[in-house]
Amino acid sequence: MADSFGPVRADDGAACRGADPSGETAGPPAGEPIRVLVVDDHALFRRGLEIVLAQEEDIQVVGEAGDGAEAVDKAADLLPDIVLMDVRMPRRGGIEACTSIKEVAPSAKIIMLTISDEEADLYDAIKAGATGYLLKEISTDEVATAIRAVADGQSQISPSMASKLLTEFKSMIQRTDERRLVPAPRLTDRELEVLKLVATGMNNRDIAKELFISENTVKNHVRNILEKLQLHSRMEAVVYAMREKILEIR
């Protein structure tokens, strides 16, 4: 299943399950499939995703929507674990729908799957609560892998978009060099170590191996970082850390 979706078109634009106050939701209960809501204004693309994901035993497509407005209604009704959503759609776009989806289905993780490689869309999606941002050029295998990773509490960004994010981080440092910054909440040395590794894109398992600690300890550190910074996701924590010069990426 190594085929790729390829470019789509040039103008593409019950109770909360597994909730965790840190924003690092634990995903579906053990043994249950990851429940996915597919949102895209192209019916054929939605159908293609459903066919691909139907081959994955641990993933279940529970519904679909053709725009952001319908996605909010479906998310409230179905309470999916993952919302796989396009950025640009008629009636209501995906980024605008993110905030509303997080309100009606707080445990849902949102992955933007789009043709848009605009930096502004990436930043707006992160600010709106998206946990992943993937371009439609990725392979079908990578979609399933990303769903599993995000359900497990990780963040996923296409490599080309991640490099743009790091460029923006450096620009933010330059723009704030002469500004008087409000003192940031103090992180422990270990929390700073964890945050730096998160910034490189490492997942909890790899961070645990790097620091010779348990994966649960890593999760606790990430939770504490988010609570101290009053943020909701790993990506927001990295953006904040770069802006406040808590860490630097050279």
Foldseek 3Di string as FASTA:
>chain_A
DFAALADDDDPFAVDQAQDDVLLQGQFHPPPAAQEEEEEALDPVVSVVLQVLQVVPPRHHHPYYYNALVVVLVVCLVPLGQEYEYEADGPPHGDLRSLLSSCVSRVNHAYAYEYQDLDLVSVVSSVVSHHQEYHYRRGTSVVVVVQSVQVSRRHGYYPPVSLVVVLVVLVVLCVVCVPPDDDDAQDADPVLLLLLVVVNVVDDLVVSCVVVVHDSVVSVVSSSVLCVRRVHNGSVVSNSVCSNNVVDHDD
